[in-house]
Amino acid sequence: MILWCCWLFSGVTLFVFPVVALLHCCLLAALVQSAPVSSPSNPSQTFKEAVERVMRLVEKIRKDVRSVHGSIINIDGFTLDPSSQTGELEMKRINLGIPDPPVLKELSEQFTADMCVSRMLAGGRLYQGLLVDLSRRLGGLEALSAELRDLVTHINQEVLGFIQVVWSLLSLDLTLNLHGNYDVQVAAHLTLCQLLEFCHDLIRSLRNMAETQMARGTR
């Protein structure tokens, strides 16, 4: 009798376990089928929103450049007005070793998106480095330098997810050519003037990239 009960129990067990496992699999499949499937995001719209976030930071930098220039530059006639940039100042820029800003142009077959972003990054790192050098001799530039560091980070995080680029950074030390307070003032003035113009080109290029991406997304 005991042997018969054991055999019956083991038979029921062998029968119940597969059934439970089968029910579990069916329930899991039903849950998977009933789970909502999220629709894929619009890459063009996502890129446009990323670009807009970067542009807001660039606008803040432009505003802060004007504020910083007004607070630290104390030589008469040194303004951010492009018409005030004389040939003498241009020669001084060359002698001080301040490089030309990276050129940003409208996207085309000759000037591709990866080239554009490469120059954006190079320009951001260039002016961040110049401001770090100047900060050793002149106060009031630290916050602006930090904003440029954030800009480079934002471009890396927001834009490079869509575009693959290879870029390089020219290494220089501006302080080697600054021999007095006048040189420091001139270098800071020229750097801020260039940075303001670069930010203007940066916003124009970012807007152009977003419009180009949106146009491709609607085709």
C-alpha atoms as a PDB file:
ATOM      1  CA  MET A   1       0.000   0.000   0.000  1.00  0.00           C
ATOM      2  CA  ILE A   2       2.774   2.399   0.929  1.00  0.00           C
ATOM      3  CA  LEU A   3       4.666   1.570  -2.248  1.00  0.00           C
ATOM      4  CA  TRP A   4       1.545   2.209  -4.304  1.00  0.00           C
ATOM      5  CA  CYS A   5       1.019   5.635  -2.682  1.00  0.00           C
ATOM      6  CA  CYS A   6       4.618   6.602  -3.307  1.00  0.00           C
ATOM      7  CA  TRP A   7       4.318   5.579  -6.932  1.00  0.00           C
ATOM      8  CA  LEU A   8       1.094   7.607  -7.268  1.00  0.00           C
ATOM      9  CA  PHE A   9       2.628  10.686  -5.648  1.00  0.00           C
ATOM     10  CA  SER A  10       5.709  10.539  -7.854  1.00  0.00           C
ATOM     11  CA  GLY A  11       3.533  10.153 -10.922  1.00  0.00           C
ATOM     12  CA  VAL A  12       1.423  13.157  -9.989  1.00  0.00           C
ATOM     13  CA  THR A  13       4.579  15.146  -9.332  1.00  0.00           C
ATOM     14  CA  LEU A  14       6.036  14.244 -12.707  1.00  0.00           C
ATOM     15  CA  PHE A  15       2.773  15.286 -14.312  1.00  0.00           C
ATOM     16  CA  VAL A  16       2.239  18.546 -12.382  1.00  0.00           C
ATOM     17  CA  PHE A  17       5.708  20.046 -12.778  1.00  0.00           C
ATOM     18  CA  PRO A  18       5.666  20.034 -16.603  1.00  0.00           C
ATOM     19  CA  VAL A  19       2.169  21.529 -16.576  1.00  0.00           C
ATOM     20  CA  VAL A  20       3.227  24.318 -14.214  1.00  0.00           C
ATOM     21  CA  ALA A  21       6.275  25.024 -16.334  1.00  0.00           C
ATOM     22  CA  LEU A  22       4.129  25.098 -19.470  1.00  0.00           C
ATOM     23  CA  LEU A  23       1.638  27.495 -17.879  1.00  0.00           C
ATOM     24  CA  HIS A  24       4.513  29.719 -16.765  1.00  0.00           C
ATOM     25  CA  CYS A  25       5.885  29.881 -20.309  1.00  0.00           C
ATOM     26  CA  CYS A  26       2.457  30.658 -21.751  1.00  0.00           C
ATOM     27  CA  LEU A  27       1.897  33.431 -19.198  1.00  0.00           C
ATOM     28  CA  LEU A  28       5.303  34.934 -19.929  1.00  0.00           C
ATOM     29  CA  ALA A  29       4.602  34.881 -23.659  1.00  0.00           C
ATOM     30  CA  ALA A  30       1.253  36.570 -23.108  1.00  0.00           C
ATOM     31  CA  LEU A  31       2.875  39.317 -21.039  1.00  0.00           C
ATOM     32  CA  VAL A  32       5.497  39.914 -23.705  1.00  0.00           C
ATOM     33  CA  GLN A  33       2.867  40.121 -26.438  1.00  0.00           C
ATOM     34  CA  SER A  34       0.694  42.483 -24.412  1.00  0.00           C
ATOM     35  CA  ALA A  35       3.569  44.862 -23.482  1.00  0.00           C
ATOM     36  CA  PRO A  36       3.336  48.140 -25.375  1.00  0.00           C
ATOM     37  CA  VAL A  37       5.947  48.627 -28.073  1.00  0.00           C
ATOM     38  CA  SER A  38       7.443  52.095 -27.970  1.00  0.00           C
ATOM     39  CA  SER A  39       7.624  53.858 -31.318  1.00  0.00           C
ATOM     40  CA  PRO A  40      11.121  54.748 -32.514  1.00  0.00           C
ATOM     41  CA  SER A  41      12.137  58.333 -31.867  1.00  0.00           C
ATOM     42  CA  ASN A  42      12.573  60.786 -34.716  1.00  0.00           C
ATOM     43  CA  PRO A  43      16.353  61.097 -35.203  1.00  0.00           C
ATOM     44  CA  SER A  44      16.052  64.438 -36.996  1.00  0.00           C
ATOM     45  CA  GLN A  45      13.920  65.965 -34.230  1.00  0.00           C
ATOM     46  CA  THR A  46      16.210  64.523 -31.557  1.00  0.00           C
ATOM     47  CA  PHE A  47      19.229  66.040 -33.287  1.00  0.00           C
ATOM     48  CA  LYS A  48      17.456  69.393 -33.582  1.00  0.00           C
ATOM     49  CA  GLU A  49      16.725  69.416 -29.846  1.00  0.00           C
ATOM     50  CA  ALA A  50      20.346  68.496 -29.050  1.00  0.00           C
ATOM     51  CA  VAL A  51      21.604  71.326 -31.237  1.00  0.00           C
ATOM     52  CA  GLU A  52      19.247  73.772 -29.554  1.00  0.00           C
ATOM     53  CA  ARG A  53      20.657  72.839 -26.143  1.00  0.00           C
ATOM     54  CA  VAL A  54      24.187  73.540 -27.379  1.00  0.00           C
ATOM     55  CA  MET A  55      23.056  76.824 -28.944  1.00  0.00           C
ATOM     56  CA  ARG A  56      21.626  78.025 -25.638  1.00  0.00           C
ATOM     57  CA  LEU A  57      25.011  77.504 -24.014  1.00  0.00           C
ATOM     58  CA  VAL A  58      26.749  79.356 -26.863  1.00  0.00           C
ATOM     59  CA  GLU A  59      24.333  82.269 -26.440  1.00  0.00           C
ATOM     60  CA  LYS A  60      25.209  82.414 -22.748  1.00  0.00           C
ATOM     61  CA  ILE A  61      28.916  82.427 -23.589  1.00  0.00           C
ATOM     62  CA  ARG A  62      28.395  85.303 -26.031  1.00  0.00           C
ATOM     63  CA  LYS A  63      26.635  87.296 -23.343  1.00  0.00           C
ATOM     64  CA  ASP A  64      29.344  86.546 -20.795  1.00  0.00           C
ATOM     65  CA  VAL A  65      32.121  87.492 -23.231  1.00  0.00           C
ATOM     66  CA  ARG A  66      30.703  91.010 -23.416  1.00  0.00           C
ATOM     67  CA  SER A  67      30.380  91.202 -19.652  1.00  0.00           C
ATOM     68  CA  VAL A  68      33.899  89.902 -19.002  1.00  0.00           C
ATOM     69  CA  HIS A  69      35.439  92.207 -21.611  1.00  0.00           C
ATOM     70  CA  GLY A  70      33.805  95.216 -19.996  1.00  0.00           C
ATOM     71  CA  SER A  71      35.109  94.267 -16.558  1.00  0.00           C
ATOM     72  CA  ILE A  72      38.742  93.315 -17.262  1.00  0.00           C
ATOM     73  CA  ILE A  73      39.849  95.351 -20.304  1.00  0.00           C
ATOM     74  CA  ASN A  74      40.831  98.855 -19.203  1.00  0.00           C
ATOM     75  CA  ILE A  75      42.658 100.267 -22.243  1.00  0.00           C
ATOM     76  CA  ASP A  76      40.812 103.065 -24.010  1.00  0.00           C
ATOM     77  CA  GLY A  77      39.646 102.185 -27.514  1.00  0.00           C
ATOM     78  CA  PHE A  78      39.631  98.423 -26.930  1.00  0.00           C
ATOM     79  CA  THR A  79      36.021  97.527 -27.661  1.00  0.00           C
ATOM     80  CA  LEU A  80      34.263  94.496 -29.120  1.00  0.00           C
ATOM     81  CA  ASP A  81      33.179  96.532 -32.140  1.00  0.00           C
ATOM     82  CA  PRO A  82      34.771  94.847 -35.199  1.00  0.00           C
ATOM     83  CA  SER A  83      35.564  98.238 -36.699  1.00  0.00           C
ATOM     84  CA  SER A  84      37.921  98.950 -33.799  1.00  0.00           C
ATOM     85  CA  GLN A  85      40.217  96.082 -34.772  1.00  0.00           C
ATOM     86  CA  THR A  86      43.068  97.866 -36.539  1.00  0.00           C
ATOM     87  CA  GLY A  87      45.947  96.561 -38.610  1.00  0.00           C
ATOM     88  CA  GLU A  88      48.254  97.307 -35.711  1.00  0.00           C
ATOM     89  CA  LEU A  89      46.228  94.996 -33.460  1.00  0.00           C
ATOM     90  CA  GLU A  90      46.324  92.318 -36.134  1.00  0.00           C
ATOM     91  CA  MET A  91      50.116  92.493 -36.211  1.00  0.00           C
ATOM     92  CA  LYS A  92      50.139  92.340 -32.416  1.00  0.00           C
ATOM     93  CA  ARG A  93      47.958  89.201 -32.566  1.00  0.00           C
ATOM     94  CA  ILE A  94      50.470  87.519 -34.862  1.00  0.00           C
ATOM     95  CA  ASN A  95      53.423  88.534 -32.686  1.00  0.00           C
ATOM     96  CA  LEU A  96      51.700  87.239 -29.553  1.00  0.00           C
ATOM     97  CA  GLY A  97      51.060  83.898 -31.237  1.00  0.00           C
ATOM     98  CA  ILE A  98      47.252  83.957 -31.046  1.00  0.00           C
ATOM     99  CA  PRO A  99      46.111  81.610 -33.848  1.00  0.00           C
ATOM    100  CA  ASP A 100      43.288  82.260 -36.273  1.00  0.00           C
ATOM    101  CA  PRO A 101      39.963  80.709 -35.235  1.00  0.00           C
ATOM    102  CA  PRO A 102      38.823  77.556 -37.056  1.00  0.00           C
ATOM    103  CA  VAL A 103      36.719  78.526 -40.066  1.00  0.00           C
ATOM    104  CA  LEU A 104      33.085  77.368 -39.979  1.00  0.00           C
ATOM    105  CA  LYS A 105      31.152  77.345 -43.238  1.00  0.00           C
ATOM    106  CA  GLU A 106      27.787  76.229 -44.554  1.00  0.00           C
ATOM    107  CA  LEU A 107      27.520  72.492 -45.079  1.00  0.00           C
ATOM    108  CA  SER A 108      28.275  71.272 -48.574  1.00  0.00           C
ATOM    109  CA  GLU A 109      29.954  68.385 -50.362  1.00  0.00           C
ATOM    110  CA  GLN A 110      33.281  70.136 -49.760  1.00  0.00           C
ATOM    111  CA  PHE A 111      32.531  71.078 -46.136  1.00  0.00           C
ATOM    112  CA  THR A 112      30.853  68.087 -44.539  1.00  0.00           C
ATOM    113  CA  ALA A 113      29.191  67.733 -41.148  1.00  0.00           C
ATOM    114  CA  ASP A 114      32.157  65.843 -39.689  1.00  0.00           C
ATOM    115  CA  MET A 115      34.522  68.624 -40.782  1.00  0.00           C
ATOM    116  CA  CYS A 116      32.196  71.200 -39.243  1.00  0.00           C
ATOM    117  CA  VAL A 117      31.968  69.450 -35.880  1.00  0.00           C
ATOM    118  CA  SER A 118      35.733  68.862 -35.869  1.00  0.00           C
ATOM    119  CA  ARG A 119      36.289  72.596 -36.149  1.00  0.00           C
ATOM    120  CA  MET A 120      33.651  73.349 -33.523  1.00  0.00           C
ATOM    121  CA  LEU A 121      35.507  71.146 -31.069  1.00  0.00           C
ATOM    122  CA  ALA A 122      38.896  72.508 -32.066  1.00  0.00           C
ATOM    123  CA  GLY A 123      37.662  76.088 -31.623  1.00  0.00           C
ATOM    124  CA  GLY A 124      36.126  75.383 -28.238  1.00  0.00           C
ATOM    125  CA  ARG A 125      39.303  73.744 -26.975  1.00  0.00           C
ATOM    126  CA  LEU A 126      41.460  76.498 -28.498  1.00  0.00           C
ATOM    127  CA  TYR A 127      39.709  79.331 -26.679  1.00  0.00           C
ATOM    128  CA  GLN A 128      39.412  77.359 -23.474  1.00  0.00           C
ATOM    129  CA  GLY A 129      43.186  76.877 -23.545  1.00  0.00           C
ATOM    130  CA  LEU A 130      43.855  80.540 -24.326  1.00  0.00           C
ATOM    131  CA  LEU A 131      41.667  81.664 -21.442  1.00  0.00           C
ATOM    132  CA  VAL A 132      43.382  79.221 -19.083  1.00  0.00           C
ATOM    133  CA  ASP A 133      46.756  80.690 -20.103  1.00  0.00           C
ATOM    134  CA  LEU A 134      45.498  84.264 -19.656  1.00  0.00           C
ATOM    135  CA  SER A 135      43.995  83.386 -16.270  1.00  0.00           C
ATOM    136  CA  ARG A 136      47.530  82.972 -14.949  1.00  0.00           C
ATOM    137  CA  ARG A 137      48.127  86.672 -15.535  1.00  0.00           C
ATOM    138  CA  LEU A 138      44.644  88.204 -15.399  1.00  0.00           C
ATOM    139  CA  GLY A 139      41.665  87.541 -13.148  1.00  0.00           C
ATOM    140  CA  GLY A 140      38.033  87.286 -14.183  1.00  0.00           C
ATOM    141  CA  LEU A 141      38.371  84.666 -16.914  1.00  0.00           C
ATOM    142  CA  GLU A 142      37.921  81.468 -14.937  1.00  0.00           C
ATOM    143  CA  ALA A 143      34.122  81.215 -15.267  1.00  0.00           C
ATOM    144  CA  LEU A 144      34.236  81.829 -19.003  1.00  0.00           C
ATOM    145  CA  SER A 145      36.929  79.186 -19.396  1.00  0.00           C
ATOM    146  CA  ALA A 146      34.721  76.723 -17.493  1.00  0.00           C
ATOM    147  CA  GLU A 147      31.810  77.500 -19.807  1.00  0.00           C
ATOM    148  CA  LEU A 148      33.957  76.700 -22.823  1.00  0.00           C
ATOM    149  CA  ARG A 149      34.950  73.412 -21.208  1.00  0.00           C
ATOM    150  CA  ASP A 150      31.229  72.687 -20.763  1.00  0.00           C
ATOM    151  CA  LEU A 151      30.616  73.634 -24.397  1.00  0.00           C
ATOM    152  CA  VAL A 152      33.173  71.103 -25.610  1.00  0.00           C
ATOM    153  CA  THR A 153      31.570  68.479 -23.370  1.00  0.00           C
ATOM    154  CA  HIS A 154      28.097  69.306 -24.695  1.00  0.00           C
ATOM    155  CA  ILE A 155      29.236  69.079 -28.315  1.00  0.00           C
ATOM    156  CA  ASN A 156      30.854  65.735 -27.546  1.00  0.00           C
ATOM    157  CA  GLN A 157      27.726  64.404 -25.823  1.00  0.00           C
ATOM    158  CA  GLU A 158      24.979  66.037 -27.881  1.00  0.00           C
ATOM    159  CA  VAL A 159      26.381  66.125 -31.412  1.00  0.00           C
ATOM    160  CA  LEU A 160      28.913  63.320 -31.678  1.00  0.00           C
ATOM    161  CA  GLY A 161      26.157  60.781 -31.131  1.00  0.00           C
ATOM    162  CA  PHE A 162      24.989  61.631 -34.625  1.00  0.00           C
ATOM    163  CA  ILE A 163      28.252  62.468 -36.392  1.00  0.00           C
ATOM    164  CA  GLN A 164      31.612  60.710 -36.328  1.00  0.00           C
ATOM    165  CA  VAL A 165      34.590  63.070 -36.361  1.00  0.00           C
ATOM    166  CA  VAL A 166      38.322  63.051 -35.964  1.00  0.00           C
ATOM    167  CA  TRP A 167      39.888  66.247 -34.663  1.00  0.00           C
ATOM    168  CA  SER A 168      43.129  67.475 -33.224  1.00  0.00           C
ATOM    169  CA  LEU A 169      44.107  70.315 -30.928  1.00  0.00           C
ATOM    170  CA  LEU A 170      47.057  72.607 -31.402  1.00  0.00           C
ATOM    171  CA  SER A 171      49.081  72.807 -28.207  1.00  0.00           C
ATOM    172  CA  LEU A 172      50.403  76.249 -27.282  1.00  0.00           C
ATOM    173  CA  ASP A 173      51.315  78.358 -24.267  1.00  0.00           C
ATOM    174  CA  LEU A 174      50.266  81.966 -24.730  1.00  0.00           C
ATOM    175  CA  THR A 175      52.011  83.145 -21.560  1.00  0.00           C
ATOM    176  CA  LEU A 176      55.430  82.650 -23.166  1.00  0.00           C
ATOM    177  CA  ASN A 177      54.817  85.750 -25.306  1.00  0.00           C
ATOM    178  CA  LEU A 178      53.279  88.006 -22.646  1.00  0.00           C
ATOM    179  CA  HIS A 179      56.011  90.322 -21.378  1.00  0.00           C
ATOM    180  CA  GLY A 180      53.993  92.953 -19.576  1.00  0.00           C
ATOM    181  CA  ASN A 181      50.553  94.142 -18.533  1.00  0.00           C
ATOM    182  CA  TYR A 182      49.925  95.756 -21.915  1.00  0.00           C
ATOM    183  CA  ASP A 183      50.585  92.483 -23.707  1.00  0.00           C
ATOM    184  CA  VAL A 184      48.213  90.715 -21.308  1.00  0.00           C
ATOM    185  CA  GLN A 185      45.484  93.276 -21.957  1.00  0.00           C
ATOM    186  CA  VAL A 186      45.965  93.099 -25.725  1.00  0.00           C
ATOM    187  CA  ALA A 187      45.965  89.291 -25.712  1.00  0.00           C
ATOM    188  CA  ALA A 188      42.816  89.135 -23.573  1.00  0.00           C
ATOM    189  CA  HIS A 189      41.097  91.717 -25.782  1.00  0.00           C
ATOM    190  CA  LEU A 190      41.959  89.918 -29.011  1.00  0.00           C
ATOM    191  CA  THR A 191      41.034  86.513 -27.590  1.00  0.00           C
ATOM    192  CA  LEU A 192      37.619  87.734 -26.440  1.00  0.00           C
ATOM    193  CA  CYS A 193      36.993  89.448 -29.786  1.00  0.00           C
ATOM    194  CA  GLN A 194      37.818  86.256 -31.643  1.00  0.00           C
ATOM    195  CA  LEU A 195      35.755  84.163 -29.245  1.00  0.00           C
ATOM    196  CA  LEU A 196      32.728  86.390 -29.763  1.00  0.00           C
ATOM    197  CA  GLU A 197      33.027  86.058 -33.524  1.00  0.00           C
ATOM    198  CA  PHE A 198      33.581  82.313 -33.250  1.00  0.00           C
ATOM    199  CA  CYS A 199      30.399  81.970 -31.158  1.00  0.00           C
ATOM    200  CA  HIS A 200      28.499  83.856 -33.852  1.00  0.00           C
ATOM    201  CA  ASP A 201      29.786  81.427 -36.509  1.00  0.00           C
ATOM    202  CA  LEU A 202      29.120  78.497 -34.187  1.00  0.00           C
ATOM    203  CA  ILE A 203      25.441  79.383 -33.779  1.00  0.00           C
ATOM    204  CA  ARG A 204      25.059  79.879 -37.517  1.00  0.00           C
ATOM    205  CA  SER A 205      26.695  76.510 -38.239  1.00  0.00           C
ATOM    206  CA  LEU A 206      24.654  74.661 -35.604  1.00  0.00           C
ATOM    207  CA  ARG A 207      21.459  76.104 -37.034  1.00  0.00           C
ATOM    208  CA  ASN A 208      22.531  75.097 -40.534  1.00  0.00           C
ATOM    209  CA  MET A 209      23.297  71.551 -39.383  1.00  0.00           C
ATOM    210  CA  ALA A 210      19.913  71.222 -37.682  1.00  0.00           C
ATOM    211  CA  GLU A 211      18.058  72.525 -40.739  1.00  0.00           C
ATOM    212  CA  THR A 212      19.983  70.162 -43.028  1.00  0.00           C
ATOM    213  CA  GLN A 213      19.245  67.199 -40.778  1.00  0.00           C
ATOM    214  CA  MET A 214      15.540  68.084 -40.574  1.00  0.00           C
ATOM    215  CA  ALA A 215      15.347  68.441 -44.360  1.00  0.00           C
ATOM    216  CA  ARG A 216      16.844  64.986 -44.801  1.00  0.00           C
ATOM    217  CA  GLY A 217      14.435  63.548 -42.254  1.00  0.00           C
ATOM    218  CA  THR A 218      11.388  64.782 -44.170  1.00  0.00           C
ATOM    219  CA  ARG A 219      12.383  63.143 -47.433  1.00  0.00           C
END
